[in-house]
Amino acid sequence: MTYVVNENCIKCKYTDCVEVCPVDCFYEGENMLVIHPDECIDCGVCEPECPVGAIVPDTKGQDVSSLIELNRKFAQAWPNITRRKDAPADADKFKDEKGKLEKYFSEKPGSGD
């Protein structure tokens, strides 16, 4: 089992989860975070820290295999993030929006630490 980040993170990018991760397995894209599934130790401390429910175990949800692959692919391309940052100023505006993967996902890397 591993934890993955889903589309709820897109355009919100709260980083409370990063601060509690004991193995620094989060990676930052332009408008979301991902978890490297091969680095995650399945401790689960990140899941309750996310205010938008963007972190889920790989056993939850219908299309988890595509989430695992999305997280793996971009964890290998984006910079590692190990410290909490301020969320985007308009994060609350997007937190309940559905269909964000198709509308807003960006493959561009974030700034990392």
PDB file of N, CA and C in Angstrom:
ATOM      1  N   MET A   1       0.836  -1.186   0.000  1.00  0.00           N
ATOM      2  CA  MET A   1       0.000   0.000   0.000  1.00  0.00           C
ATOM      3  C   MET A   1       0.876   1.244   0.000  1.00  0.00           C
ATOM      4  N   THR A   2       0.385   2.276  -0.616  1.00  0.00           N
ATOM      5  CA  THR A   2       1.037   3.581  -0.626  1.00  0.00           C
ATOM      6  C   THR A   2      -0.062   4.634  -0.582  1.00  0.00           C
ATOM      7  N   TYR A   3       0.321   5.841  -0.399  1.00  0.00           N
ATOM      8  CA  TYR A   3      -0.619   6.959  -0.468  1.00  0.00           C
ATOM      9  C   TYR A   3      -0.355   7.712  -1.758  1.00  0.00           C
ATOM     10  N   VAL A   4      -1.404   8.301  -2.307  1.00  0.00           N
ATOM     11  CA  VAL A   4      -1.288   9.065  -3.540  1.00  0.00           C
ATOM     12  C   VAL A   4      -2.040  10.381  -3.388  1.00  0.00           C
ATOM     13  N   VAL A   5      -1.663  11.334  -4.215  1.00  0.00           N
ATOM     14  CA  VAL A   5      -2.340  12.624  -4.255  1.00  0.00           C
ATOM     15  C   VAL A   5      -3.306  12.596  -5.431  1.00  0.00           C
ATOM     16  N   ASN A   6      -4.540  13.044  -5.196  1.00  0.00           N
ATOM     17  CA  ASN A   6      -5.527  13.070  -6.273  1.00  0.00           C
ATOM     18  C   ASN A   6      -5.763  14.502  -6.752  1.00  0.00           C
ATOM     19  N   GLU A   7      -6.709  14.664  -7.663  1.00  0.00           N
ATOM     20  CA  GLU A   7      -6.936  15.959  -8.299  1.00  0.00           C
ATOM     21  C   GLU A   7      -7.435  17.042  -7.347  1.00  0.00           C
ATOM     22  N   ASN A   8      -7.854  16.692  -6.143  1.00  0.00           N
ATOM     23  CA  ASN A   8      -8.284  17.719  -5.192  1.00  0.00           C
ATOM     24  C   ASN A   8      -7.163  18.701  -4.878  1.00  0.00           C
ATOM     25  N   CYS A   9      -5.930  18.278  -5.058  1.00  0.00           N
ATOM     26  CA  CYS A   9      -4.775  19.129  -4.776  1.00  0.00           C
ATOM     27  C   CYS A   9      -4.593  20.234  -5.827  1.00  0.00           C
ATOM     28  N   ILE A  10      -5.034  19.978  -7.028  1.00  0.00           N
ATOM     29  CA  ILE A  10      -4.794  20.907  -8.135  1.00  0.00           C
ATOM     30  C   ILE A  10      -5.399  22.272  -7.830  1.00  0.00           C
ATOM     31  N   LYS A  11      -4.584  23.291  -8.003  1.00  0.00           N
ATOM     32  CA  LYS A  11      -4.927  24.706  -7.792  1.00  0.00           C
ATOM     33  C   LYS A  11      -5.091  25.057  -6.307  1.00  0.00           C
ATOM     34  N   CYS A  12      -4.958  24.079  -5.408  1.00  0.00           N
ATOM     35  CA  CYS A  12      -5.021  24.347  -3.970  1.00  0.00           C
ATOM     36  C   CYS A  12      -3.613  24.280  -3.384  1.00  0.00           C
ATOM     37  N   LYS A  13      -2.949  23.180  -3.632  1.00  0.00           N
ATOM     38  CA  LYS A  13      -1.551  22.952  -3.256  1.00  0.00           C
ATOM     39  C   LYS A  13      -1.222  23.397  -1.825  1.00  0.00           C
ATOM     40  N   TYR A  14      -2.057  22.938  -0.900  1.00  0.00           N
ATOM     41  CA  TYR A  14      -1.720  23.135   0.510  1.00  0.00           C
ATOM     42  C   TYR A  14      -0.540  22.209   0.801  1.00  0.00           C
ATOM     43  N   THR A  15       0.391  22.641   1.593  1.00  0.00           N
ATOM     44  CA  THR A  15       1.590  21.834   1.826  1.00  0.00           C
ATOM     45  C   THR A  15       1.725  21.389   3.286  1.00  0.00           C
ATOM     46  N   ASP A  16       0.636  21.360   4.000  1.00  0.00           N
ATOM     47  CA  ASP A  16       0.668  20.889   5.388  1.00  0.00           C
ATOM     48  C   ASP A  16       1.200  19.459   5.460  1.00  0.00           C
ATOM     49  N   CYS A  17       0.881  18.665   4.450  1.00  0.00           N
ATOM     50  CA  CYS A  17       1.291  17.259   4.381  1.00  0.00           C
ATOM     51  C   CYS A  17       2.807  17.120   4.313  1.00  0.00           C
ATOM     52  N   VAL A  18       3.448  18.019   3.617  1.00  0.00           N
ATOM     53  CA  VAL A  18       4.893  17.968   3.418  1.00  0.00           C
ATOM     54  C   VAL A  18       5.624  18.080   4.756  1.00  0.00           C
ATOM     55  N   GLU A  19       5.118  18.932   5.599  1.00  0.00           N
ATOM     56  CA  GLU A  19       5.749  19.211   6.889  1.00  0.00           C
ATOM     57  C   GLU A  19       5.817  17.970   7.792  1.00  0.00           C
ATOM     58  N   VAL A  20       4.837  17.066   7.683  1.00  0.00           N
ATOM     59  CA  VAL A  20       4.793  15.905   8.580  1.00  0.00           C
ATOM     60  C   VAL A  20       5.391  14.634   7.983  1.00  0.00           C
ATOM     61  N   CYS A  21       5.715  14.640   6.717  1.00  0.00           N
ATOM     62  CA  CYS A  21       6.225  13.434   6.056  1.00  0.00           C
ATOM     63  C   CYS A  21       7.624  13.076   6.579  1.00  0.00           C
ATOM     64  N   PRO A  22       7.770  11.877   7.171  1.00  0.00           N
ATOM     65  CA  PRO A  22       9.078  11.507   7.730  1.00  0.00           C
ATOM     66  C   PRO A  22      10.112  11.094   6.685  1.00  0.00           C
ATOM     67  N   VAL A  23       9.684  10.846   5.445  1.00  0.00           N
ATOM     68  CA  VAL A  23      10.630  10.391   4.427  1.00  0.00           C
ATOM     69  C   VAL A  23      10.751  11.339   3.226  1.00  0.00           C
ATOM     70  N   ASP A  24      10.122  12.501   3.311  1.00  0.00           N
ATOM     71  CA  ASP A  24      10.243  13.515   2.250  1.00  0.00           C
ATOM     72  C   ASP A  24       9.941  12.964   0.861  1.00  0.00           C
ATOM     73  N   CYS A  25       8.764  12.334   0.716  1.00  0.00           N
ATOM     74  CA  CYS A  25       8.416  11.714  -0.572  1.00  0.00           C
ATOM     75  C   CYS A  25       7.443  12.555  -1.400  1.00  0.00           C
ATOM     76  N   PHE A  26       7.312  13.859  -1.084  1.00  0.00           N
ATOM     77  CA  PHE A  26       6.452  14.748  -1.856  1.00  0.00           C
ATOM     78  C   PHE A  26       7.269  15.505  -2.893  1.00  0.00           C
ATOM     79  N   TYR A  27       6.628  15.700  -4.046  1.00  0.00           N
ATOM     80  CA  TYR A  27       7.251  16.419  -5.151  1.00  0.00           C
ATOM     81  C   TYR A  27       6.283  17.477  -5.630  1.00  0.00           C
ATOM     82  N   GLU A  28       6.835  18.609  -6.079  1.00  0.00           N
ATOM     83  CA  GLU A  28       6.005  19.771  -6.371  1.00  0.00           C
ATOM     84  C   GLU A  28       5.937  20.105  -7.856  1.00  0.00           C
ATOM     85  N   GLY A  29       4.701  20.156  -8.338  1.00  0.00           N
ATOM     86  CA  GLY A  29       4.446  20.645  -9.680  1.00  0.00           C
ATOM     87  C   GLY A  29       3.967  22.081  -9.611  1.00  0.00           C
ATOM     88  N   GLU A  30       3.718  22.656 -10.752  1.00  0.00           N
ATOM     89  CA  GLU A  30       3.274  24.047 -10.810  1.00  0.00           C
ATOM     90  C   GLU A  30       2.003  24.276  -9.989  1.00  0.00           C
ATOM     91  N   ASN A  31       1.050  23.329 -10.055  1.00  0.00           N
ATOM     92  CA  ASN A  31      -0.195  23.581  -9.325  1.00  0.00           C
ATOM     93  C   ASN A  31      -0.701  22.404  -8.501  1.00  0.00           C
ATOM     94  N   MET A  32       0.180  21.429  -8.226  1.00  0.00           N
ATOM     95  CA  MET A  32      -0.197  20.335  -7.320  1.00  0.00           C
ATOM     96  C   MET A  32       1.053  19.641  -6.803  1.00  0.00           C
ATOM     97  N   LEU A  33       0.849  18.785  -5.823  1.00  0.00           N
ATOM     98  CA  LEU A  33       1.912  17.943  -5.291  1.00  0.00           C
ATOM     99  C   LEU A  33       1.630  16.500  -5.679  1.00  0.00           C
ATOM    100  N   VAL A  34       2.657  15.665  -5.657  1.00  0.00           N
ATOM    101  CA  VAL A  34       2.491  14.224  -5.826  1.00  0.00           C
ATOM    102  C   VAL A  34       3.358  13.526  -4.787  1.00  0.00           C
ATOM    103  N   ILE A  35       3.042  12.262  -4.538  1.00  0.00           N
ATOM    104  CA  ILE A  35       3.817  11.408  -3.644  1.00  0.00           C
ATOM    105  C   ILE A  35       4.504  10.353  -4.494  1.00  0.00           C
ATOM    106  N   HIS A  36       5.790  10.153  -4.265  1.00  0.00           N
ATOM    107  CA  HIS A  36       6.481   9.077  -4.974  1.00  0.00           C
ATOM    108  C   HIS A  36       6.064   7.761  -4.326  1.00  0.00           C
ATOM    109  N   PRO A  37       5.326   6.909  -5.040  1.00  0.00           N
ATOM    110  CA  PRO A  37       4.793   5.691  -4.424  1.00  0.00           C
ATOM    111  C   PRO A  37       5.861   4.695  -3.976  1.00  0.00           C
ATOM    112  N   ASP A  38       7.052   4.759  -4.553  1.00  0.00           N
ATOM    113  CA  ASP A  38       8.116   3.844  -4.149  1.00  0.00           C
ATOM    114  C   ASP A  38       8.880   4.351  -2.929  1.00  0.00           C
ATOM    115  N   GLU A  39       8.699   5.608  -2.583  1.00  0.00           N
ATOM    116  CA  GLU A  39       9.368   6.188  -1.415  1.00  0.00           C
ATOM    117  C   GLU A  39       8.452   6.255  -0.201  1.00  0.00           C
ATOM    118  N   CYS A  40       7.149   6.288  -0.428  1.00  0.00           N
ATOM    119  CA  CYS A  40       6.169   6.377   0.650  1.00  0.00           C
ATOM    120  C   CYS A  40       6.269   5.134   1.531  1.00  0.00           C
ATOM    121  N   ILE A  41       6.302   5.338   2.855  1.00  0.00           N
ATOM    122  CA  ILE A  41       6.403   4.203   3.787  1.00  0.00           C
ATOM    123  C   ILE A  41       5.039   3.837   4.373  1.00  0.00           C
ATOM    124  N   ASP A  42       3.983   4.392   3.822  1.00  0.00           N
ATOM    125  CA  ASP A  42       2.616   4.033   4.203  1.00  0.00           C
ATOM    126  C   ASP A  42       2.276   4.354   5.658  1.00  0.00           C
ATOM    127  N   CYS A  43       2.894   5.387   6.203  1.00  0.00           N
ATOM    128  CA  CYS A  43       2.635   5.710   7.611  1.00  0.00           C
ATOM    129  C   CYS A  43       1.288   6.424   7.788  1.00  0.00           C
ATOM    130  N   GLY A  44       0.844   7.125   6.760  1.00  0.00           N
ATOM    131  CA  GLY A  44      -0.468   7.764   6.796  1.00  0.00           C
ATOM    132  C   GLY A  44      -0.547   9.088   7.537  1.00  0.00           C
ATOM    133  N   VAL A  45       0.557   9.616   8.022  1.00  0.00           N
ATOM    134  CA  VAL A  45       0.483  10.869   8.780  1.00  0.00           C
ATOM    135  C   VAL A  45       0.109  12.064   7.909  1.00  0.00           C
ATOM    136  N   CYS A  46       0.332  11.963   6.628  1.00  0.00           N
ATOM    137  CA  CYS A  46       0.013  13.070   5.723  1.00  0.00           C
ATOM    138  C   CYS A  46      -1.486  13.187   5.440  1.00  0.00           C
ATOM    139  N   GLU A  47      -2.170  12.071   5.399  1.00  0.00           N
ATOM    140  CA  GLU A  47      -3.577  12.057   4.972  1.00  0.00           C
ATOM    141  C   GLU A  47      -4.468  13.013   5.766  1.00  0.00           C
ATOM    142  N   PRO A  48      -4.453  12.994   7.101  1.00  0.00           N
ATOM    143  CA  PRO A  48      -5.331  13.910   7.837  1.00  0.00           C
ATOM    144  C   PRO A  48      -4.898  15.368   7.794  1.00  0.00           C
ATOM    145  N   GLU A  49      -3.684  15.633   7.337  1.00  0.00           N
ATOM    146  CA  GLU A  49      -3.195  17.008   7.281  1.00  0.00           C
ATOM    147  C   GLU A  49      -3.753  17.788   6.097  1.00  0.00           C
ATOM    148  N   CYS A  50      -4.236  17.090   5.084  1.00  0.00           N
ATOM    149  CA  CYS A  50      -4.713  17.756   3.876  1.00  0.00           C
ATOM    150  C   CYS A  50      -6.132  18.295   4.076  1.00  0.00           C
ATOM    151  N   PRO A  51      -6.301  19.607   3.995  1.00  0.00           N
ATOM    152  CA  PRO A  51      -7.620  20.195   4.222  1.00  0.00           C
ATOM    153  C   PRO A  51      -8.631  19.958   3.101  1.00  0.00           C
ATOM    154  N   VAL A  52      -8.178  19.427   1.959  1.00  0.00           N
ATOM    155  CA  VAL A  52      -9.093  19.184   0.842  1.00  0.00           C
ATOM    156  C   VAL A  52      -9.246  17.701   0.504  1.00  0.00           C
ATOM    157  N   GLY A  53      -8.727  16.825   1.344  1.00  0.00           N
ATOM    158  CA  GLY A  53      -8.865  15.387   1.112  1.00  0.00           C
ATOM    159  C   GLY A  53      -8.167  14.893  -0.139  1.00  0.00           C
ATOM    160  N   ALA A  54      -7.032  15.491  -0.455  1.00  0.00           N
ATOM    161  CA  ALA A  54      -6.330  15.142  -1.686  1.00  0.00           C
ATOM    162  C   ALA A  54      -5.386  13.952  -1.534  1.00  0.00           C
ATOM    163  N   ILE A  55      -5.190  13.468  -0.326  1.00  0.00           N
ATOM    164  CA  ILE A  55      -4.297  12.336  -0.099  1.00  0.00           C
ATOM    165  C   ILE A  55      -5.134  11.132   0.307  1.00  0.00           C
ATOM    166  N   VAL A  56      -4.975  10.059  -0.462  1.00  0.00           N
ATOM    167  CA  VAL A  56      -5.764   8.845  -0.202  1.00  0.00           C
ATOM    168  C   VAL A  56      -4.860   7.622  -0.288  1.00  0.00           C
ATOM    169  N   PRO A  57      -5.220   6.551   0.451  1.00  0.00           N
ATOM    170  CA  PRO A  57      -4.467   5.309   0.294  1.00  0.00           C
ATOM    171  C   PRO A  57      -4.772   4.699  -1.069  1.00  0.00           C
ATOM    172  N   ASP A  58      -3.837   3.942  -1.586  1.00  0.00           N
ATOM    173  CA  ASP A  58      -4.038   3.359  -2.919  1.00  0.00           C
ATOM    174  C   ASP A  58      -5.114   2.281  -2.939  1.00  0.00           C
ATOM    175  N   THR A  59      -5.714   2.022  -1.813  1.00  0.00           N
ATOM    176  CA  THR A  59      -6.807   1.053  -1.742  1.00  0.00           C
ATOM    177  C   THR A  59      -8.174   1.730  -1.809  1.00  0.00           C
ATOM    178  N   LYS A  60      -8.195   3.042  -1.923  1.00  0.00           N
ATOM    179  CA  LYS A  60      -9.453   3.793  -1.886  1.00  0.00           C
ATOM    180  C   LYS A  60      -9.733   4.429  -3.251  1.00  0.00           C
ATOM    181  N   GLY A  61     -10.921   4.226  -3.779  1.00  0.00           N
ATOM    182  CA  GLY A  61     -11.283   4.864  -5.038  1.00  0.00           C
ATOM    183  C   GLY A  61     -11.308   3.881  -6.191  1.00  0.00           C
ATOM    184  N   GLN A  62     -11.946   4.304  -7.256  1.00  0.00           N
ATOM    185  CA  GLN A  62     -12.129   3.430  -8.399  1.00  0.00           C
ATOM    186  C   GLN A  62     -10.897   3.353  -9.302  1.00  0.00           C
ATOM    187  N   ASP A  63     -10.268   4.470  -9.580  1.00  0.00           N
ATOM    188  CA  ASP A  63      -9.199   4.485 -10.570  1.00  0.00           C
ATOM    189  C   ASP A  63      -7.858   4.793  -9.922  1.00  0.00           C
ATOM    190  N   VAL A  64      -7.511   4.010  -8.931  1.00  0.00           N
ATOM    191  CA  VAL A  64      -6.289   4.264  -8.182  1.00  0.00           C
ATOM    192  C   VAL A  64      -5.040   3.956  -9.005  1.00  0.00           C
ATOM    193  N   SER A  65      -5.092   3.000  -9.900  1.00  0.00           N
ATOM    194  CA  SER A  65      -3.899   2.666 -10.681  1.00  0.00           C
ATOM    195  C   SER A  65      -3.435   3.849 -11.527  1.00  0.00           C
ATOM    196  N   SER A  66      -4.358   4.600 -12.099  1.00  0.00           N
ATOM    197  CA  SER A  66      -3.942   5.771 -12.875  1.00  0.00           C
ATOM    198  C   SER A  66      -3.381   6.863 -11.961  1.00  0.00           C
ATOM    199  N   LEU A  67      -3.894   6.959 -10.742  1.00  0.00           N
ATOM    200  CA  LEU A  67      -3.347   7.925  -9.784  1.00  0.00           C
ATOM    201  C   LEU A  67      -1.932   7.537  -9.372  1.00  0.00           C
ATOM    202  N   ILE A  68      -1.708   6.258  -9.158  1.00  0.00           N
ATOM    203  CA  ILE A  68      -0.366   5.798  -8.791  1.00  0.00           C
ATOM    204  C   ILE A  68       0.610   6.133  -9.906  1.00  0.00           C
ATOM    205  N   GLU A  69       0.221   5.876 -11.135  1.00  0.00           N
ATOM    206  CA  GLU A  69       1.108   6.169 -12.269  1.00  0.00           C
ATOM    207  C   GLU A  69       1.337   7.664 -12.448  1.00  0.00           C
ATOM    208  N   LEU A  70       0.291   8.473 -12.268  1.00  0.00           N
ATOM    209  CA  LEU A  70       0.454   9.927 -12.350  1.00  0.00           C
ATOM    210  C   LEU A  70       1.419  10.403 -11.268  1.00  0.00           C
ATOM    211  N   ASN A  71       1.239   9.926 -10.037  1.00  0.00           N
ATOM    212  CA  ASN A  71       2.128  10.312  -8.943  1.00  0.00           C
ATOM    213  C   ASN A  71       3.559   9.857  -9.219  1.00  0.00           C
ATOM    214  N   ARG A  72       3.736   8.623  -9.681  1.00  0.00           N
ATOM    215  CA  ARG A  72       5.076   8.107  -9.968  1.00  0.00           C
ATOM    216  C   ARG A  72       5.755   8.917 -11.080  1.00  0.00           C
ATOM    217  N   LYS A  73       5.039   9.131 -12.165  1.00  0.00           N
ATOM    218  CA  LYS A  73       5.616   9.840 -13.316  1.00  0.00           C
ATOM    219  C   LYS A  73       6.112  11.232 -12.935  1.00  0.00           C
ATOM    220  N   PHE A  74       5.283  11.975 -12.218  1.00  0.00           N
ATOM    221  CA  PHE A  74       5.668  13.343 -11.932  1.00  0.00           C
ATOM    222  C   PHE A  74       6.594  13.472 -10.722  1.00  0.00           C
ATOM    223  N   ALA A  75       6.607  12.470  -9.850  1.00  0.00           N
ATOM    224  CA  ALA A  75       7.592  12.464  -8.760  1.00  0.00           C
ATOM    225  C   ALA A  75       9.002  12.315  -9.334  1.00  0.00           C
ATOM    226  N   GLN A  76       9.104  11.651 -10.468  1.00  0.00           N
ATOM    227  CA  GLN A  76      10.401  11.477 -11.110  1.00  0.00           C
ATOM    228  C   GLN A  76      10.833  12.710 -11.902  1.00  0.00           C
ATOM    229  N   ALA A  77       9.877  13.597 -12.191  1.00  0.00           N
ATOM    230  CA  ALA A  77      10.184  14.767 -13.019  1.00  0.00           C
ATOM    231  C   ALA A  77      10.231  16.079 -12.230  1.00  0.00           C
ATOM    232  N   TRP A  78       9.488  16.147 -11.141  1.00  0.00           N
ATOM    233  CA  TRP A  78       9.367  17.395 -10.393  1.00  0.00           C
ATOM    234  C   TRP A  78      10.330  17.428  -9.210  1.00  0.00           C
ATOM    235  N   PRO A  79      10.643  18.637  -8.716  1.00  0.00           N
ATOM    236  CA  PRO A  79      11.560  18.744  -7.575  1.00  0.00           C
ATOM    237  C   PRO A  79      10.911  18.297  -6.264  1.00  0.00           C
ATOM    238  N   ASN A  80      11.745  17.762  -5.407  1.00  0.00           N
ATOM    239  CA  ASN A  80      11.321  17.345  -4.071  1.00  0.00           C
ATOM    240  C   ASN A  80      10.998  18.578  -3.233  1.00  0.00           C
ATOM    241  N   ILE A  81       9.950  18.472  -2.420  1.00  0.00           N
ATOM    242  CA  ILE A  81       9.583  19.558  -1.516  1.00  0.00           C
ATOM    243  C   ILE A  81       9.573  18.981  -0.101  1.00  0.00           C
ATOM    244  N   THR A  82      10.244  19.665   0.821  1.00  0.00           N
ATOM    245  CA  THR A  82      10.379  19.143   2.181  1.00  0.00           C
ATOM    246  C   THR A  82       9.891  20.125   3.246  1.00  0.00           C
ATOM    247  N   ARG A  83       9.486  21.310   2.830  1.00  0.00           N
ATOM    248  CA  ARG A  83       9.024  22.312   3.794  1.00  0.00           C
ATOM    249  C   ARG A  83       7.673  22.867   3.376  1.00  0.00           C
ATOM    250  N   ARG A  84       6.896  23.214   4.368  1.00  0.00           N
ATOM    251  CA  ARG A  84       5.583  23.818   4.137  1.00  0.00           C
ATOM    252  C   ARG A  84       5.753  25.199   3.494  1.00  0.00           C
ATOM    253  N   LYS A  85       4.866  25.498   2.563  1.00  0.00           N
ATOM    254  CA  LYS A  85       4.814  26.812   1.915  1.00  0.00           C
ATOM    255  C   LYS A  85       3.393  27.337   2.042  1.00  0.00           C
ATOM    256  N   ASP A  86       3.233  28.603   1.814  1.00  0.00           N
ATOM    257  CA  ASP A  86       1.885  29.165   1.774  1.00  0.00           C
ATOM    258  C   ASP A  86       1.158  28.629   0.553  1.00  0.00           C
ATOM    259  N   ALA A  87      -0.116  28.364   0.728  1.00  0.00           N
ATOM    260  CA  ALA A  87      -0.954  27.932  -0.392  1.00  0.00           C
ATOM    261  C   ALA A  87      -1.174  29.113  -1.336  1.00  0.00           C
ATOM    262  N   PRO A  88      -1.537  28.848  -2.567  1.00  0.00           N
ATOM    263  CA  PRO A  88      -1.854  29.953  -3.479  1.00  0.00           C
ATOM    264  C   PRO A  88      -2.954  30.833  -2.883  1.00  0.00           C
ATOM    265  N   ALA A  89      -2.905  32.112  -3.169  1.00  0.00           N
ATOM    266  CA  ALA A  89      -3.861  33.075  -2.606  1.00  0.00           C
ATOM    267  C   ALA A  89      -5.312  32.708  -2.924  1.00  0.00           C
ATOM    268  N   ASP A  90      -5.539  32.075  -4.075  1.00  0.00           N
ATOM    269  CA  ASP A  90      -6.902  31.731  -4.473  1.00  0.00           C
ATOM    270  C   ASP A  90      -7.245  30.250  -4.237  1.00  0.00           C
ATOM    271  N   ALA A  91      -6.487  29.565  -3.395  1.00  0.00           N
ATOM    272  CA  ALA A  91      -6.685  28.131  -3.159  1.00  0.00           C
ATOM    273  C   ALA A  91      -8.097  27.804  -2.691  1.00  0.00           C
ATOM    274  N   ASP A  92      -8.644  28.574  -1.786  1.00  0.00           N
ATOM    275  CA  ASP A  92      -9.982  28.277  -1.258  1.00  0.00           C
ATOM    276  C   ASP A  92     -11.053  28.336  -2.342  1.00  0.00           C
ATOM    277  N   LYS A  93     -10.827  29.131  -3.353  1.00  0.00           N
ATOM    278  CA  LYS A  93     -11.778  29.258  -4.464  1.00  0.00           C
ATOM    279  C   LYS A  93     -11.916  27.925  -5.223  1.00  0.00           C
ATOM    280  N   PHE A  94     -10.861  27.130  -5.252  1.00  0.00           N
ATOM    281  CA  PHE A  94     -10.838  25.889  -6.041  1.00  0.00           C
ATOM    282  C   PHE A  94     -11.040  24.626  -5.217  1.00  0.00           C
ATOM    283  N   LYS A  95     -11.086  24.725  -3.889  1.00  0.00           N
ATOM    284  CA  LYS A  95     -11.033  23.511  -3.068  1.00  0.00           C
ATOM    285  C   LYS A  95     -12.205  22.556  -3.250  1.00  0.00           C
ATOM    286  N   ASP A  96     -13.375  23.041  -3.640  1.00  0.00           N
ATOM    287  CA  ASP A  96     -14.529  22.154  -3.819  1.00  0.00           C
ATOM    288  C   ASP A  96     -14.856  21.880  -5.285  1.00  0.00           C
ATOM    289  N   GLU A  97     -14.054  22.383  -6.184  1.00  0.00           N
ATOM    290  CA  GLU A  97     -14.315  22.208  -7.614  1.00  0.00           C
ATOM    291  C   GLU A  97     -13.998  20.772  -8.050  1.00  0.00           C
ATOM    292  N   LYS A  98     -14.805  20.252  -8.924  1.00  0.00           N
ATOM    293  CA  LYS A  98     -14.613  18.904  -9.478  1.00  0.00           C
ATOM    294  C   LYS A  98     -14.040  19.007 -10.889  1.00  0.00           C
ATOM    295  N   GLY A  99     -13.439  17.940 -11.369  1.00  0.00           N
ATOM    296  CA  GLY A  99     -12.909  17.907 -12.736  1.00  0.00           C
ATOM    297  C   GLY A  99     -11.667  18.745 -12.936  1.00  0.00           C
ATOM    298  N   LYS A 100     -10.891  18.949 -11.887  1.00  0.00           N
ATOM    299  CA  LYS A 100      -9.716  19.824 -11.990  1.00  0.00           C
ATOM    300  C   LYS A 100      -8.592  19.220 -12.815  1.00  0.00           C
ATOM    301  N   LEU A 101      -8.505  17.904 -12.877  1.00  0.00           N
ATOM    302  CA  LEU A 101      -7.431  17.279 -13.655  1.00  0.00           C
ATOM    303  C   LEU A 101      -7.533  17.681 -15.124  1.00  0.00           C
ATOM    304  N   GLU A 102      -8.709  17.593 -15.672  1.00  0.00           N
ATOM    305  CA  GLU A 102      -8.914  17.948 -17.078  1.00  0.00           C
ATOM    306  C   GLU A 102      -8.818  19.455 -17.313  1.00  0.00           C
ATOM    307  N   LYS A 103      -9.256  20.231 -16.352  1.00  0.00           N
ATOM    308  CA  LYS A 103      -9.302  21.688 -16.531  1.00  0.00           C
ATOM    309  C   LYS A 103      -7.972  22.392 -16.291  1.00  0.00           C
ATOM    310  N   TYR A 104      -7.240  21.963 -15.255  1.00  0.00           N
ATOM    311  CA  TYR A 104      -6.117  22.791 -14.789  1.00  0.00           C
ATOM    312  C   TYR A 104      -4.769  22.089 -14.648  1.00  0.00           C
ATOM    313  N   PHE A 105      -4.700  20.780 -14.760  1.00  0.00           N
ATOM    314  CA  PHE A 105      -3.436  20.089 -14.487  1.00  0.00           C
ATOM    315  C   PHE A 105      -2.316  20.638 -15.361  1.00  0.00           C
ATOM    316  N   SER A 106      -1.149  20.823 -14.753  1.00  0.00           N
ATOM    317  CA  SER A 106       0.033  21.285 -15.461  1.00  0.00           C
ATOM    318  C   SER A 106       1.180  20.315 -15.216  1.00  0.00           C
ATOM    319  N   GLU A 107       1.888  19.970 -16.269  1.00  0.00           N
ATOM    320  CA  GLU A 107       3.052  19.101 -16.150  1.00  0.00           C
ATOM    321  C   GLU A 107       4.296  19.876 -15.759  1.00  0.00           C
ATOM    322  N   LYS A 108       4.205  21.183 -15.690  1.00  0.00           N
ATOM    323  CA  LYS A 108       5.368  21.998 -15.349  1.00  0.00           C
ATOM    324  C   LYS A 108       5.770  21.757 -13.892  1.00  0.00           C
ATOM    325  N   PRO A 109       7.066  21.769 -13.639  1.00  0.00           N
ATOM    326  CA  PRO A 109       7.523  21.592 -12.256  1.00  0.00           C
ATOM    327  C   PRO A 109       7.241  22.828 -11.409  1.00  0.00           C
ATOM    328  N   GLY A 110       7.226  22.594 -10.110  1.00  0.00           N
ATOM    329  CA  GLY A 110       7.118  23.706  -9.164  1.00  0.00           C
ATOM    330  C   GLY A 110       8.517  24.192  -8.832  1.00  0.00           C
ATOM    331  N   SER A 111       8.590  25.004  -7.814  1.00  0.00           N
ATOM    332  CA  SER A 111       9.880  25.579  -7.457  1.00  0.00           C
ATOM    333  C   SER A 111      10.674  24.728  -6.485  1.00  0.00           C
ATOM    334  N   GLY A 112      10.060  23.653  -5.941  1.00  0.00           N
ATOM    335  CA  GLY A 112      10.768  22.833  -4.957  1.00  0.00           C
ATOM    336  C   GLY A 112      11.016  23.631  -3.702  1.00  0.00           C
ATOM    337  N   ASP A 113      12.084  23.301  -2.992  1.00  0.00           N
ATOM    338  CA  ASP A 113      12.397  24.028  -1.734  1.00  0.00           C
ATOM    339  C   ASP A 113      12.928  25.399  -2.009  1.00  0.00           C
TER     340      ASP A 113
END
